[in-house]
PDB file of N, CA and C in Angstrom:
ATOM      1  N   MET A   1      16.928   6.549  31.069  1.00  0.00           N
ATOM      2  CA  MET A   1      16.074   7.634  31.516  1.00  0.00           C
ATOM      3  C   MET A   1      14.640   7.342  31.053  1.00  0.00           C
ATOM      4  N   SER A   2      13.697   7.602  31.916  1.00  0.00           N
ATOM      5  CA  SER A   2      12.301   7.299  31.594  1.00  0.00           C
ATOM      6  C   SER A   2      11.732   8.346  30.634  1.00  0.00           C
ATOM      7  N   VAL A   3      10.640   7.985  30.002  1.00  0.00           N
ATOM      8  CA  VAL A   3       9.964   8.895  29.076  1.00  0.00           C
ATOM      9  C   VAL A   3       9.497  10.145  29.821  1.00  0.00           C
ATOM     10  N   ALA A   4       8.980   9.968  31.019  1.00  0.00           N
ATOM     11  CA  ALA A   4       8.497  11.113  31.803  1.00  0.00           C
ATOM     12  C   ALA A   4       9.640  12.068  32.140  1.00  0.00           C
ATOM     13  N   GLU A   5      10.799  11.506  32.469  1.00  0.00           N
ATOM     14  CA  GLU A   5      11.963  12.345  32.789  1.00  0.00           C
ATOM     15  C   GLU A   5      12.429  13.118  31.551  1.00  0.00           C
ATOM     16  N   LYS A   6      12.435  12.452  30.401  1.00  0.00           N
ATOM     17  CA  LYS A   6      12.819  13.123  29.153  1.00  0.00           C
ATOM     18  C   LYS A   6      11.847  14.254  28.832  1.00  0.00           C
ATOM     19  N   GLN A   7      10.556  14.014  29.036  1.00  0.00           N
ATOM     20  CA  GLN A   7       9.550  15.049  28.777  1.00  0.00           C
ATOM     21  C   GLN A   7       9.724  16.228  29.733  1.00  0.00           C
ATOM     22  N   ARG A   8      10.034  15.920  30.991  1.00  0.00           N
ATOM     23  CA  ARG A   8      10.240  16.984  31.976  1.00  0.00           C
ATOM     24  C   ARG A   8      11.438  17.855  31.591  1.00  0.00           C
ATOM     25  N   ILE A   9      12.529  17.222  31.164  1.00  0.00           N
ATOM     26  CA  ILE A   9      13.726  17.964  30.763  1.00  0.00           C
ATOM     27  C   ILE A   9      13.432  18.807  29.526  1.00  0.00           C
ATOM     28  N   ALA A  10      12.716  18.241  28.557  1.00  0.00           N
ATOM     29  CA  ALA A  10      12.358  18.990  27.350  1.00  0.00           C
ATOM     30  C   ALA A  10      11.461  20.172  27.697  1.00  0.00           C
ATOM     31  N   SER A  11      10.546  19.962  28.624  1.00  0.00           N
ATOM     32  CA  SER A  11       9.653  21.044  29.047  1.00  0.00           C
ATOM     33  C   SER A  11      10.439  22.166  29.708  1.00  0.00           C
ATOM     34  N   LEU A  12      11.400  21.805  30.553  1.00  0.00           N
ATOM     35  CA  LEU A  12      12.232  22.826  31.204  1.00  0.00           C
ATOM     36  C   LEU A  12      13.027  23.624  30.172  1.00  0.00           C
ATOM     37  N   GLY A  13      13.533  22.934  29.144  1.00  0.00           N
ATOM     38  CA  GLY A  13      14.264  23.630  28.084  1.00  0.00           C
ATOM     39  C   GLY A  13      13.373  24.599  27.333  1.00  0.00           C
ATOM     40  N   GLY A  14      12.140  24.174  27.061  1.00  0.00           N
ATOM     41  CA  GLY A  14      11.189  25.057  26.370  1.00  0.00           C
ATOM     42  C   GLY A  14      10.832  26.269  27.203  1.00  0.00           C
ATOM     43  N   LYS A  15      10.647  26.062  28.509  1.00  0.00           N
ATOM     44  CA  LYS A  15      10.330  27.185  29.399  1.00  0.00           C
ATOM     45  C   LYS A  15      11.495  28.165  29.474  1.00  0.00           C
ATOM     46  N   ALA A  16      12.719  27.634  29.536  1.00  0.00           N
ATOM     47  CA  ALA A  16      13.895  28.505  29.597  1.00  0.00           C
ATOM     48  C   ALA A  16      14.015  29.327  28.317  1.00  0.00           C
ATOM     49  N   ARG A  17      13.760  28.700  27.173  1.00  0.00           N
ATOM     50  CA  ARG A  17      13.825  29.438  25.898  1.00  0.00           C
ATOM     51  C   ARG A  17      12.766  30.533  25.854  1.00  0.00           C
ATOM     52  N   ARG A  18      11.543  30.214  26.297  1.00  0.00           N
ATOM     53  CA  ARG A  18      10.472  31.210  26.306  1.00  0.00           C
ATOM     54  C   ARG A  18      10.834  32.391  27.207  1.00  0.00           C
ATOM     55  N   GLN A  19      11.373  32.103  28.386  1.00  0.00           N
ATOM     56  CA  GLN A  19      11.769  33.180  29.300  1.00  0.00           C
ATOM     57  C   GLN A  19      12.870  34.036  28.690  1.00  0.00           C
ATOM     58  N   SER A  20      13.817  33.399  28.002  1.00  0.00           N
ATOM     59  CA  SER A  20      14.904  34.136  27.364  1.00  0.00           C
ATOM     60  C   SER A  20      14.372  35.063  26.271  1.00  0.00           C
ATOM     61  N   LEU A  21      13.450  34.565  25.456  1.00  0.00           N
ATOM     62  CA  LEU A  21      12.874  35.391  24.391  1.00  0.00           C
ATOM     63  C   LEU A  21      12.048  36.535  24.968  1.00  0.00           C
ATOM     64  N   GLN A  22      11.309  36.264  26.051  1.00  0.00           N
ATOM     65  CA  GLN A  22      10.527  37.322  26.693  1.00  0.00           C
ATOM     66  C   GLN A  22      11.444  38.390  27.281  1.00  0.00           C
ATOM     67  N   ALA A  23      12.544  37.970  27.892  1.00  0.00           N
ATOM     68  CA  ALA A  23      13.488  38.933  28.471  1.00  0.00           C
ATOM     69  C   ALA A  23      14.096  39.800  27.374  1.00  0.00           C
ATOM     70  N   ALA A  24      14.468  39.186  26.255  1.00  0.00           N
ATOM     71  CA  ALA A  24      15.036  39.954  25.143  1.00  0.00           C
ATOM     72  C   ALA A  24      14.018  40.962  24.617  1.00  0.00           C
ATOM     73  N   ARG A  25      12.746  40.550  24.522  1.00  0.00           N
ATOM     74  CA  ARG A  25      11.707  41.467  24.048  1.00  0.00           C
ATOM     75  C   ARG A  25      11.519  42.631  25.015  1.00  0.00           C
ATOM     76  N   ARG A  26      11.512  42.340  26.323  1.00  0.00           N
ATOM     77  CA  ARG A  26      11.350  43.409  27.314  1.00  0.00           C
ATOM     78  C   ARG A  26      12.529  44.377  27.284  1.00  0.00           C
ATOM     79  N   ILE A  27      13.729  43.861  27.097  1.00  0.00           N
ATOM     80  CA  ILE A  27      14.906  44.731  27.016  1.00  0.00           C
ATOM     81  C   ILE A  27      14.800  45.638  25.795  1.00  0.00           C
ATOM     82  N   ALA A  28      14.417  45.072  24.652  1.00  0.00           N
ATOM     83  CA  ALA A  28      14.254  45.881  23.438  1.00  0.00           C
ATOM     84  C   ALA A  28      13.163  46.930  23.633  1.00  0.00           C
ATOM     85  N   ASP A  29      12.058  46.554  24.276  1.00  0.00           N
ATOM     86  CA  ASP A  29      10.979  47.512  24.560  1.00  0.00           C
ATOM     87  C   ASP A  29      11.485  48.652  25.438  1.00  0.00           C
ATOM     88  N   ASN A  30      12.286  48.325  26.446  1.00  0.00           N
ATOM     89  CA  ASN A  30      12.823  49.355  27.340  1.00  0.00           C
ATOM     90  C   ASN A  30      13.736  50.324  26.600  1.00  0.00           C
ATOM     91  N   PHE A  31      14.559  49.810  25.674  1.00  0.00           N
ATOM     92  CA  PHE A  31      15.429  50.701  24.904  1.00  0.00           C
ATOM     93  C   PHE A  31      14.617  51.607  23.981  1.00  0.00           C
ATOM     94  N   ARG A  32      13.554  51.061  23.378  1.00  0.00           N
ATOM     95  CA  ARG A  32      12.701  51.906  22.534  1.00  0.00           C
ATOM     96  C   ARG A  32      12.026  52.986  23.374  1.00  0.00           C
ATOM     97  N   TYR A  33      11.558  52.622  24.554  1.00  0.00           N
ATOM     98  CA  TYR A  33      10.921  53.582  25.465  1.00  0.00           C
ATOM     99  C   TYR A  33      11.911  54.670  25.872  1.00  0.00           C
ATOM    100  N   ALA A  34      13.131  54.278  26.206  1.00  0.00           N
ATOM    101  CA  ALA A  34      14.154  55.253  26.595  1.00  0.00           C
ATOM    102  C   ALA A  34      14.478  56.194  25.434  1.00  0.00           C
ATOM    103  N   ALA A  35      14.499  55.679  24.216  1.00  0.00           N
ATOM    104  CA  ALA A  35      14.771  56.522  23.054  1.00  0.00           C
ATOM    105  C   ALA A  35      13.653  57.541  22.843  1.00  0.00           C
ATOM    106  N   VAL A  36      12.410  57.114  23.006  1.00  0.00           N
ATOM    107  CA  VAL A  36      11.277  58.033  22.860  1.00  0.00           C
ATOM    108  C   VAL A  36      11.340  59.118  23.928  1.00  0.00           C
ATOM    109  N   LEU A  37      11.639  58.729  25.164  1.00  0.00           N
ATOM    110  CA  LEU A  37      11.759  59.728  26.231  1.00  0.00           C
ATOM    111  C   LEU A  37      12.866  60.729  25.923  1.00  0.00           C
ATOM    112  N   GLY A  38      13.969  60.247  25.400  1.00  0.00           N
ATOM    113  CA  GLY A  38      15.055  61.148  25.029  1.00  0.00           C
ATOM    114  C   GLY A  38      14.628  62.128  23.952  1.00  0.00           C
ATOM    115  N   ASP A  39      13.850  61.650  22.975  1.00  0.00           N
ATOM    116  CA  ASP A  39      13.354  62.541  21.918  1.00  0.00           C
ATOM    117  C   ASP A  39      12.389  63.577  22.481  1.00  0.00           C
ATOM    118  N   LEU A  40      11.520  63.157  23.396  1.00  0.00           N
ATOM    119  CA  LEU A  40      10.551  64.083  23.981  1.00  0.00           C
ATOM    120  C   LEU A  40      11.223  65.113  24.883  1.00  0.00           C
ATOM    121  N   ARG A  41      12.277  64.698  25.559  1.00  0.00           N
ATOM    122  CA  ARG A  41      12.954  65.579  26.500  1.00  0.00           C
ATOM    123  C   ARG A  41      13.622  66.746  25.770  1.00  0.00           C
ATOM    124  N   GLY A  42      14.210  66.479  24.629  1.00  0.00           N
ATOM    125  CA  GLY A  42      14.861  67.542  23.869  1.00  0.00           C
ATOM    126  C   GLY A  42      16.140  68.019  24.534  1.00  0.00           C
ATOM    127  N   GLN A  43      16.533  69.224  24.180  1.00  0.00           N
ATOM    128  CA  GLN A  43      17.766  69.803  24.715  1.00  0.00           C
ATOM    129  C   GLN A  43      17.523  70.372  26.101  1.00  0.00           C
ATOM    130  N   PRO A  44      18.522  70.296  26.981  1.00  0.00           N
ATOM    131  CA  PRO A  44      18.356  70.881  28.314  1.00  0.00           C
ATOM    132  C   PRO A  44      18.244  72.401  28.237  1.00  0.00           C
ATOM    133  N   THR A  45      17.480  72.960  29.146  1.00  0.00           N
ATOM    134  CA  THR A  45      17.295  74.404  29.203  1.00  0.00           C
ATOM    135  C   THR A  45      18.515  75.048  29.849  1.00  0.00           C
ATOM    136  N   ALA A  46      18.995  76.103  29.251  1.00  0.00           N
ATOM    137  CA  ALA A  46      20.148  76.812  29.807  1.00  0.00           C
ATOM    138  C   ALA A  46      19.711  77.603  31.038  1.00  0.00           C
ATOM    139  N   VAL A  47      20.533  77.583  32.067  1.00  0.00           N
ATOM    140  CA  VAL A  47      20.248  78.337  33.285  1.00  0.00           C
ATOM    141  C   VAL A  47      20.714  79.768  33.063  1.00  0.00           C
ATOM    142  N   ARG A  48      19.799  80.727  33.237  1.00  0.00           N
ATOM    143  CA  ARG A  48      20.136  82.130  33.005  1.00  0.00           C
ATOM    144  C   ARG A  48      20.642  82.809  34.264  1.00  0.00           C
ATOM    145  N   HIS A  49      20.125  82.389  35.400  1.00  0.00           N
ATOM    146  CA  HIS A  49      20.492  83.059  36.640  1.00  0.00           C
ATOM    147  C   HIS A  49      20.512  82.024  37.756  1.00  0.00           C
ATOM    148  N   LEU A  50      21.503  82.111  38.604  1.00  0.00           N
ATOM    149  CA  LEU A  50      21.625  81.176  39.702  1.00  0.00           C
ATOM    150  C   LEU A  50      22.082  81.936  40.929  1.00  0.00           C
ATOM    151  N   ARG A  51      21.377  81.755  42.038  1.00  0.00           N
ATOM    152  CA  ARG A  51      21.789  82.391  43.279  1.00  0.00           C
ATOM    153  C   ARG A  51      21.487  81.451  44.433  1.00  0.00           C
ATOM    154  N   THR A  52      22.093  81.728  45.554  1.00  0.00           N
ATOM    155  CA  THR A  52      21.894  80.917  46.742  1.00  0.00           C
ATOM    156  C   THR A  52      20.731  81.471  47.531  1.00  0.00           C
ATOM    157  N   PHE A  53      19.898  80.595  48.033  1.00  0.00           N
ATOM    158  CA  PHE A  53      18.750  81.009  48.825  1.00  0.00           C
ATOM    159  C   PHE A  53      18.930  80.443  50.225  1.00  0.00           C
ATOM    160  N   ALA A  54      18.972  81.307  51.227  1.00  0.00           N
ATOM    161  CA  ALA A  54      19.133  80.862  52.610  1.00  0.00           C
ATOM    162  C   ALA A  54      17.764  80.634  53.226  1.00  0.00           C
ATOM    163  N   GLY A  55      17.549  79.466  53.785  1.00  0.00           N
ATOM    164  CA  GLY A  55      16.277  79.185  54.440  1.00  0.00           C
ATOM    165  C   GLY A  55      15.413  78.256  53.626  1.00  0.00           C
ATOM    166  N   PRO A  56      14.246  77.929  54.169  1.00  0.00           N
ATOM    167  CA  PRO A  56      13.346  77.019  53.462  1.00  0.00           C
ATOM    168  C   PRO A  56      12.721  77.706  52.251  1.00  0.00           C
ATOM    169  N   LEU A  57      12.391  76.910  51.277  1.00  0.00           N
ATOM    170  CA  LEU A  57      11.760  77.462  50.081  1.00  0.00           C
ATOM    171  C   LEU A  57      10.338  77.903  50.417  1.00  0.00           C
ATOM    172  N   PRO A  58       9.928  79.065  49.957  1.00  0.00           N
ATOM    173  CA  PRO A  58       8.596  79.576  50.289  1.00  0.00           C
ATOM    174  C   PRO A  58       7.505  78.745  49.620  1.00  0.00           C
ATOM    175  N   GLY A  59       6.435  78.505  50.382  1.00  0.00           N
ATOM    176  CA  GLY A  59       5.282  77.812  49.828  1.00  0.00           C
ATOM    177  C   GLY A  59       5.373  76.305  49.820  1.00  0.00           C
ATOM    178  N   ILE A  60       6.485  75.744  50.234  1.00  0.00           N
ATOM    179  CA  ILE A  60       6.630  74.289  50.207  1.00  0.00           C
ATOM    180  C   ILE A  60       6.317  73.682  51.565  1.00  0.00           C
ATOM    181  N   TYR A  61       6.778  74.329  52.617  1.00  0.00           N
ATOM    182  CA  TYR A  61       6.621  73.783  53.964  1.00  0.00           C
ATOM    183  C   TYR A  61       5.407  74.403  54.647  1.00  0.00           C
ATOM    184  N   PRO A  62       4.714  73.648  55.498  1.00  0.00           N
ATOM    185  CA  PRO A  62       3.569  74.219  56.215  1.00  0.00           C
ATOM    186  C   PRO A  62       4.018  75.324  57.165  1.00  0.00           C
ATOM    187  N   ALA A  63       3.105  76.247  57.472  1.00  0.00           N
ATOM    188  CA  ALA A  63       3.424  77.384  58.343  1.00  0.00           C
ATOM    189  C   ALA A  63       3.868  76.892  59.714  1.00  0.00           C
ATOM    190  N   GLY A  64       4.893  77.532  60.262  1.00  0.00           N
ATOM    191  CA  GLY A  64       5.372  77.219  61.598  1.00  0.00           C
ATOM    192  C   GLY A  64       6.361  76.073  61.658  1.00  0.00           C
ATOM    193  N   SER A  65       6.770  75.545  60.533  1.00  0.00           N
ATOM    194  CA  SER A  65       7.726  74.433  60.608  1.00  0.00           C
ATOM    195  C   SER A  65       9.141  74.899  60.396  1.00  0.00           C
TER     196      SER A  65
END
């Protein structure tokens, strides 16, 4: 195998390792972000009253639709 081929293979290995480490860092960042969002969200609000509404919701759709 030529020196250039060996260097190319070594370079590919280094790039693969860098991508793997970057992916692991991004995954860890995403889990930390999800944990913070969970802390900010807090407990779900209890529903006090629930009823069925027939028809379009008022104020959402333009007049005449």
